[in-house]
Amino acid sequence: MTRVTLVTGNRASLREAAIAARLDPAHRTAIILEGLPEGNGVLHQTAEQAEPRIVRIAPGCMHCIGNLVLRITLNRLLRDRPDRLYIGAASDQHLDLLRQFLRSPPYDDLLTMDDDVVGNPASDER
């Protein structure tokens, strides 16, 4: 099963730094990021070593847009059977609904949820 971590935070650079701090080159990792990057941050530098598959989707609540974009993106990424999946969401407003979606069929047989991570300045110091 693929372990999933939802990452939130008020800035893309902080969410990406929180993910970068957790990357392990020993695991096949996929990352779904909502929205545009804030420059060439730490995730891109770390990604060169860990080689995760990074996919960006248009900004907007992943739940409110009907999960279509997320469903297609997930299905494509899960074909490669990553060990780890990080989903960087710009808002935690509907995080419970997103978590519920990821725990529903067919994803309940493919994914296991880890604790959420909040990208904040304190997490950059880790």
N, C-alpha and C. Protein backbone atom coordinates (compact mmCIF):
# COMPACT_ATOMS: atom_id res chain seq x y z
N MET A 1 0.83 -1.18 0.00
CA MET A 1 0.00 0.00 0.00
C MET A 1 0.88 1.25 0.00
N THR A 2 0.36 2.28 -0.59
CA THR A 2 1.05 3.56 -0.63
C THR A 2 0.67 4.37 0.60
N ARG A 3 1.67 4.86 1.30
CA ARG A 3 1.44 5.70 2.48
C ARG A 3 1.23 7.13 2.01
N VAL A 4 0.14 7.77 2.49
CA VAL A 4 -0.22 9.12 2.05
C VAL A 4 -0.13 10.09 3.21
N THR A 5 0.48 11.24 2.94
CA THR A 5 0.55 12.33 3.90
C THR A 5 -0.03 13.57 3.26
N LEU A 6 -1.01 14.16 3.92
CA LEU A 6 -1.58 15.43 3.47
C LEU A 6 -0.77 16.55 4.10
N VAL A 7 -0.35 17.49 3.27
CA VAL A 7 0.49 18.60 3.73
C VAL A 7 -0.24 19.91 3.45
N THR A 8 -0.43 20.71 4.49
CA THR A 8 -1.09 21.99 4.35
C THR A 8 -0.16 23.10 4.83
N GLY A 9 -0.57 24.31 4.60
CA GLY A 9 0.20 25.47 5.02
C GLY A 9 -0.21 26.65 4.19
N ASN A 10 0.02 27.84 4.70
CA ASN A 10 -0.50 29.02 4.00
C ASN A 10 0.34 29.46 2.81
N ARG A 11 1.53 28.88 2.63
CA ARG A 11 2.36 29.24 1.47
C ARG A 11 2.89 27.98 0.80
N ALA A 12 2.94 28.02 -0.52
CA ALA A 12 3.43 26.86 -1.29
C ALA A 12 4.87 26.51 -0.89
N SER A 13 5.70 27.50 -0.69
CA SER A 13 7.10 27.23 -0.35
C SER A 13 7.22 26.50 0.98
N LEU A 14 6.35 26.80 1.93
CA LEU A 14 6.40 26.12 3.23
C LEU A 14 5.89 24.68 3.12
N ARG A 15 4.85 24.47 2.32
CA ARG A 15 4.36 23.10 2.10
C ARG A 15 5.44 22.27 1.42
N GLU A 16 6.08 22.85 0.42
CA GLU A 16 7.11 22.12 -0.32
C GLU A 16 8.32 21.84 0.54
N ALA A 17 8.69 22.77 1.42
CA ALA A 17 9.82 22.55 2.33
C ALA A 17 9.50 21.42 3.31
N ALA A 18 8.26 21.37 3.77
CA ALA A 18 7.84 20.29 4.69
C ALA A 18 7.93 18.93 4.00
N ILE A 19 7.58 18.88 2.73
CA ILE A 19 7.69 17.63 1.97
C ILE A 19 9.15 17.29 1.75
N ALA A 20 9.94 18.26 1.34
CA ALA A 20 11.37 18.04 1.07
C ALA A 20 12.09 17.48 2.29
N ALA A 21 11.72 17.95 3.47
CA ALA A 21 12.35 17.49 4.70
C ALA A 21 12.06 16.01 4.98
N ARG A 22 11.02 15.47 4.35
CA ARG A 22 10.62 14.09 4.59
C ARG A 22 10.99 13.12 3.47
N LEU A 23 11.55 13.62 2.39
CA LEU A 23 11.89 12.75 1.27
C LEU A 23 13.00 11.79 1.64
N ASP A 24 12.84 10.57 1.20
CA ASP A 24 13.83 9.52 1.45
C ASP A 24 14.15 8.85 0.12
N PRO A 25 15.40 8.95 -0.34
CA PRO A 25 15.75 8.35 -1.63
C PRO A 25 15.51 6.84 -1.69
N ALA A 26 15.37 6.19 -0.54
CA ALA A 26 15.14 4.75 -0.52
C ALA A 26 13.69 4.39 -0.90
N HIS A 27 12.80 5.38 -0.93
CA HIS A 27 11.40 5.13 -1.27
C HIS A 27 11.03 5.77 -2.59
N ARG A 28 10.22 5.05 -3.37
CA ARG A 28 9.63 5.65 -4.57
C ARG A 28 8.54 6.59 -4.09
N THR A 29 8.68 7.87 -4.44
CA THR A 29 7.77 8.88 -3.92
C THR A 29 7.08 9.63 -5.04
N ALA A 30 5.80 9.91 -4.84
CA ALA A 30 5.03 10.76 -5.74
C ALA A 30 4.51 11.93 -4.92
N ILE A 31 4.40 13.07 -5.58
CA ILE A 31 3.95 14.29 -4.91
C ILE A 31 2.93 14.99 -5.78
N ILE A 32 1.79 15.32 -5.19
CA ILE A 32 0.77 16.12 -5.87
C ILE A 32 0.74 17.47 -5.17
N LEU A 33 1.00 18.52 -5.92
CA LEU A 33 1.02 19.87 -5.36
C LEU A 33 -0.09 20.69 -6.00
N GLU A 34 -0.84 21.36 -5.16
CA GLU A 34 -1.90 22.24 -5.64
C GLU A 34 -1.32 23.63 -5.83
N GLY A 35 -1.53 24.19 -7.01
CA GLY A 35 -1.12 25.56 -7.27
C GLY A 35 0.27 25.69 -7.87
N LEU A 36 0.67 26.92 -8.06
CA LEU A 36 1.94 27.24 -8.69
C LEU A 36 3.05 27.33 -7.65
N PRO A 37 4.29 27.07 -8.07
CA PRO A 37 5.41 27.19 -7.14
C PRO A 37 5.75 28.65 -6.87
N GLU A 38 6.42 28.87 -5.77
CA GLU A 38 6.90 30.21 -5.43
C GLU A 38 8.40 30.30 -5.74
N GLY A 39 8.77 30.03 -6.96
CA GLY A 39 10.18 30.05 -7.33
C GLY A 39 10.75 28.64 -7.29
N ASN A 40 12.05 28.55 -7.40
CA ASN A 40 12.74 27.27 -7.43
C ASN A 40 13.21 26.95 -6.01
N GLY A 41 12.33 26.37 -5.21
CA GLY A 41 12.56 26.18 -3.80
C GLY A 41 13.32 24.92 -3.44
N VAL A 42 13.30 24.63 -2.15
CA VAL A 42 14.05 23.52 -1.60
C VAL A 42 13.55 22.17 -2.12
N LEU A 43 12.28 22.05 -2.46
CA LEU A 43 11.77 20.79 -2.97
C LEU A 43 12.46 20.42 -4.28
N HIS A 44 12.65 21.38 -5.15
CA HIS A 44 13.31 21.09 -6.42
C HIS A 44 14.78 20.71 -6.21
N GLN A 45 15.43 21.31 -5.25
CA GLN A 45 16.82 20.97 -4.96
C GLN A 45 16.91 19.56 -4.38
N THR A 46 16.02 19.24 -3.45
CA THR A 46 16.01 17.93 -2.83
C THR A 46 15.55 16.87 -3.82
N ALA A 47 14.64 17.23 -4.70
CA ALA A 47 14.09 16.29 -5.66
C ALA A 47 15.17 15.70 -6.58
N GLU A 48 16.21 16.47 -6.82
CA GLU A 48 17.29 15.96 -7.67
C GLU A 48 17.94 14.73 -7.07
N GLN A 49 17.99 14.64 -5.74
CA GLN A 49 18.60 13.50 -5.07
C GLN A 49 17.60 12.36 -4.88
N ALA A 50 16.38 12.69 -4.47
CA ALA A 50 15.39 11.67 -4.15
C ALA A 50 14.59 11.21 -5.37
N GLU A 51 14.56 12.02 -6.41
CA GLU A 51 13.87 11.72 -7.66
C GLU A 51 12.39 11.37 -7.51
N PRO A 52 11.63 12.17 -6.78
CA PRO A 52 10.19 11.90 -6.72
C PRO A 52 9.51 12.31 -8.01
N ARG A 53 8.35 11.75 -8.24
CA ARG A 53 7.52 12.19 -9.37
C ARG A 53 6.61 13.29 -8.85
N ILE A 54 6.78 14.50 -9.38
CA ILE A 54 6.04 15.66 -8.92
C ILE A 54 5.02 16.07 -9.97
N VAL A 55 3.77 16.22 -9.54
CA VAL A 55 2.69 16.65 -10.43
C VAL A 55 2.01 17.85 -9.78
N ARG A 56 1.79 18.89 -10.57
CA ARG A 56 1.07 20.06 -10.07
C ARG A 56 -0.32 20.08 -10.69
N ILE A 57 -1.29 20.43 -9.85
CA ILE A 57 -2.65 20.58 -10.35
C ILE A 57 -3.10 22.02 -10.10
N ALA A 58 -4.09 22.44 -10.83
CA ALA A 58 -4.56 23.83 -10.74
C ALA A 58 -5.06 24.12 -9.33
N PRO A 59 -4.87 25.37 -8.88
CA PRO A 59 -5.35 25.72 -7.55
C PRO A 59 -6.87 25.67 -7.46
N GLY A 60 -7.34 25.31 -6.30
CA GLY A 60 -8.77 25.18 -6.04
C GLY A 60 -8.98 24.01 -5.13
N CYS A 61 -9.94 24.09 -4.27
CA CYS A 61 -10.20 23.03 -3.30
C CYS A 61 -10.36 21.69 -4.02
N MET A 62 -9.54 20.72 -3.65
CA MET A 62 -9.58 19.41 -4.30
C MET A 62 -10.92 18.73 -4.11
N HIS A 63 -11.60 19.04 -3.03
CA HIS A 63 -12.92 18.45 -2.80
C HIS A 63 -13.99 19.18 -3.61
N CYS A 64 -13.96 20.51 -3.59
CA CYS A 64 -15.02 21.30 -4.22
C CYS A 64 -15.02 21.21 -5.75
N ILE A 65 -13.88 20.90 -6.35
CA ILE A 65 -13.85 20.78 -7.81
C ILE A 65 -14.33 19.41 -8.26
N GLY A 66 -14.84 18.64 -7.33
CA GLY A 66 -15.46 17.36 -7.68
C GLY A 66 -14.51 16.19 -7.71
N ASN A 67 -13.28 16.39 -7.29
CA ASN A 67 -12.27 15.33 -7.22
C ASN A 67 -11.87 14.76 -8.57
N LEU A 68 -12.39 15.31 -9.67
CA LEU A 68 -12.08 14.76 -10.99
C LEU A 68 -10.59 14.87 -11.30
N VAL A 69 -10.04 16.05 -11.14
CA VAL A 69 -8.61 16.25 -11.43
C VAL A 69 -7.77 15.39 -10.49
N LEU A 70 -8.12 15.37 -9.23
CA LEU A 70 -7.38 14.56 -8.27
C LEU A 70 -7.50 13.08 -8.60
N ARG A 71 -8.68 12.62 -8.96
CA ARG A 71 -8.89 11.20 -9.28
C ARG A 71 -8.03 10.79 -10.48
N ILE A 72 -8.02 11.58 -11.52
CA ILE A 72 -7.21 11.27 -12.70
C ILE A 72 -5.73 11.27 -12.36
N THR A 73 -5.30 12.28 -11.62
CA THR A 73 -3.89 12.38 -11.23
C THR A 73 -3.49 11.20 -10.35
N LEU A 74 -4.31 10.88 -9.37
CA LEU A 74 -4.02 9.74 -8.50
C LEU A 74 -3.93 8.44 -9.28
N ASN A 75 -4.89 8.20 -10.16
CA ASN A 75 -4.89 6.96 -10.93
C ASN A 75 -3.61 6.83 -11.75
N ARG A 76 -3.17 7.91 -12.35
CA ARG A 76 -1.93 7.86 -13.14
C ARG A 76 -0.71 7.60 -12.26
N LEU A 77 -0.64 8.28 -11.13
CA LEU A 77 0.52 8.10 -10.24
C LEU A 77 0.55 6.71 -9.61
N LEU A 78 -0.61 6.19 -9.26
CA LEU A 78 -0.66 4.89 -8.58
C LEU A 78 -0.34 3.72 -9.50
N ARG A 79 -0.36 3.94 -10.79
CA ARG A 79 0.07 2.88 -11.73
C ARG A 79 1.52 2.48 -11.47
N ASP A 80 2.33 3.45 -11.01
CA ASP A 80 3.75 3.19 -10.74
C ASP A 80 3.99 2.64 -9.34
N ARG A 81 2.94 2.50 -8.55
CA ARG A 81 2.99 1.95 -7.20
C ARG A 81 4.05 2.61 -6.31
N PRO A 82 3.91 3.91 -6.08
CA PRO A 82 4.88 4.57 -5.20
C PRO A 82 4.74 4.07 -3.76
N ASP A 83 5.84 4.13 -3.03
CA ASP A 83 5.81 3.78 -1.61
C ASP A 83 5.16 4.88 -0.79
N ARG A 84 5.44 6.12 -1.19
CA ARG A 84 4.98 7.31 -0.47
C ARG A 84 4.28 8.26 -1.43
N LEU A 85 3.25 8.93 -0.94
CA LEU A 85 2.56 9.96 -1.70
C LEU A 85 2.31 11.14 -0.77
N TYR A 86 2.75 12.30 -1.19
CA TYR A 86 2.47 13.54 -0.46
C TYR A 86 1.51 14.35 -1.30
N ILE A 87 0.48 14.88 -0.64
CA ILE A 87 -0.47 15.75 -1.32
C ILE A 87 -0.42 17.10 -0.62
N GLY A 88 0.06 18.11 -1.34
CA GLY A 88 0.16 19.46 -0.80
C GLY A 88 -1.08 20.25 -1.15
N ALA A 89 -1.92 20.53 -0.15
CA ALA A 89 -3.17 21.26 -0.36
C ALA A 89 -3.03 22.68 0.17
N ALA A 90 -3.47 23.64 -0.62
CA ALA A 90 -3.34 25.04 -0.25
C ALA A 90 -4.23 25.43 0.92
N SER A 91 -5.32 24.71 1.11
CA SER A 91 -6.26 25.05 2.18
C SER A 91 -6.61 23.80 2.96
N ASP A 92 -6.77 23.97 4.25
CA ASP A 92 -7.20 22.83 5.06
C ASP A 92 -8.71 22.88 5.32
N GLN A 93 -9.42 23.74 4.58
CA GLN A 93 -10.84 23.95 4.80
C GLN A 93 -11.66 22.66 4.69
N HIS A 94 -11.39 21.84 3.69
CA HIS A 94 -12.15 20.60 3.48
C HIS A 94 -11.24 19.37 3.57
N LEU A 95 -10.24 19.44 4.42
CA LEU A 95 -9.28 18.35 4.53
C LEU A 95 -9.94 17.05 4.98
N ASP A 96 -10.93 17.14 5.85
CA ASP A 96 -11.63 15.92 6.28
C ASP A 96 -12.34 15.25 5.12
N LEU A 97 -12.92 16.05 4.22
CA LEU A 97 -13.60 15.49 3.05
C LEU A 97 -12.59 14.88 2.07
N LEU A 98 -11.44 15.51 1.94
CA LEU A 98 -10.38 14.96 1.09
C LEU A 98 -9.89 13.63 1.66
N ARG A 99 -9.69 13.59 2.96
CA ARG A 99 -9.26 12.36 3.63
C ARG A 99 -10.31 11.27 3.44
N GLN A 100 -11.58 11.63 3.56
CA GLN A 100 -12.67 10.66 3.36
C GLN A 100 -12.65 10.11 1.93
N PHE A 101 -12.42 10.98 0.95
CA PHE A 101 -12.32 10.56 -0.45
C PHE A 101 -11.18 9.55 -0.62
N LEU A 102 -10.04 9.82 -0.01
CA LEU A 102 -8.88 8.94 -0.14
C LEU A 102 -9.07 7.61 0.59
N ARG A 103 -10.00 7.56 1.52
CA ARG A 103 -10.28 6.32 2.26
C ARG A 103 -11.45 5.55 1.66
N SER A 104 -12.01 6.06 0.56
CA SER A 104 -13.16 5.42 -0.10
C SER A 104 -12.67 4.56 -1.26
N PRO A 105 -13.51 3.57 -1.68
CA PRO A 105 -13.15 2.77 -2.85
C PRO A 105 -12.94 3.63 -4.08
N PRO A 106 -12.00 3.29 -4.93
CA PRO A 106 -11.09 2.16 -4.87
C PRO A 106 -9.82 2.43 -4.07
N TYR A 107 -9.66 3.65 -3.57
CA TYR A 107 -8.41 4.04 -2.93
C TYR A 107 -8.20 3.40 -1.58
N ASP A 108 -9.25 2.94 -0.93
CA ASP A 108 -9.10 2.31 0.39
C ASP A 108 -8.25 1.06 0.33
N ASP A 109 -8.20 0.39 -0.83
CA ASP A 109 -7.36 -0.80 -0.99
C ASP A 109 -5.95 -0.46 -1.46
N LEU A 110 -5.69 0.79 -1.79
CA LEU A 110 -4.40 1.19 -2.35
C LEU A 110 -3.60 2.11 -1.45
N LEU A 111 -4.31 2.84 -0.58
CA LEU A 111 -3.67 3.89 0.21
C LEU A 111 -3.87 3.66 1.70
N THR A 112 -2.89 4.09 2.47
CA THR A 112 -3.01 4.14 3.92
C THR A 112 -2.60 5.54 4.36
N MET A 113 -3.40 6.15 5.21
CA MET A 113 -3.18 7.54 5.59
C MET A 113 -2.23 7.66 6.78
N ASP A 114 -1.27 8.56 6.65
CA ASP A 114 -0.39 8.94 7.75
C ASP A 114 -0.93 10.22 8.38
N ASP A 115 -0.30 10.67 9.43
CA ASP A 115 -0.68 11.93 10.05
C ASP A 115 -0.43 13.08 9.08
N ASP A 116 -1.25 14.11 9.18
CA ASP A 116 -1.09 15.30 8.35
C ASP A 116 0.13 16.08 8.82
N VAL A 117 0.66 16.90 7.91
CA VAL A 117 1.80 17.76 8.20
C VAL A 117 1.39 19.18 7.85
N VAL A 118 1.73 20.12 8.71
CA VAL A 118 1.48 21.53 8.44
C VAL A 118 2.82 22.18 8.12
N GLY A 119 2.91 22.73 6.90
CA GLY A 119 4.12 23.45 6.52
C GLY A 119 4.11 24.82 7.16
N ASN A 120 5.06 25.05 8.04
CA ASN A 120 5.17 26.34 8.70
C ASN A 120 6.64 26.65 8.93
N PRO A 121 6.98 27.86 9.29
CA PRO A 121 8.39 28.22 9.48
C PRO A 121 9.12 27.30 10.45
N ALA A 122 8.45 26.82 11.47
CA ALA A 122 9.11 25.94 12.43
C ALA A 122 9.52 24.63 11.79
N SER A 123 8.74 24.12 10.81
CA SER A 123 9.09 22.86 10.16
C SER A 123 10.31 23.01 9.27
N ASP A 124 10.64 24.23 8.84
CA ASP A 124 11.82 24.45 8.02
C ASP A 124 13.11 24.25 8.80
N GLU A 125 13.04 24.32 10.12
CA GLU A 125 14.22 24.20 10.95
C GLU A 125 14.58 22.75 11.24
N ARG A 126 13.76 21.79 10.84
CA ARG A 126 14.01 20.37 11.11
C ARG A 126 15.17 19.84 10.34
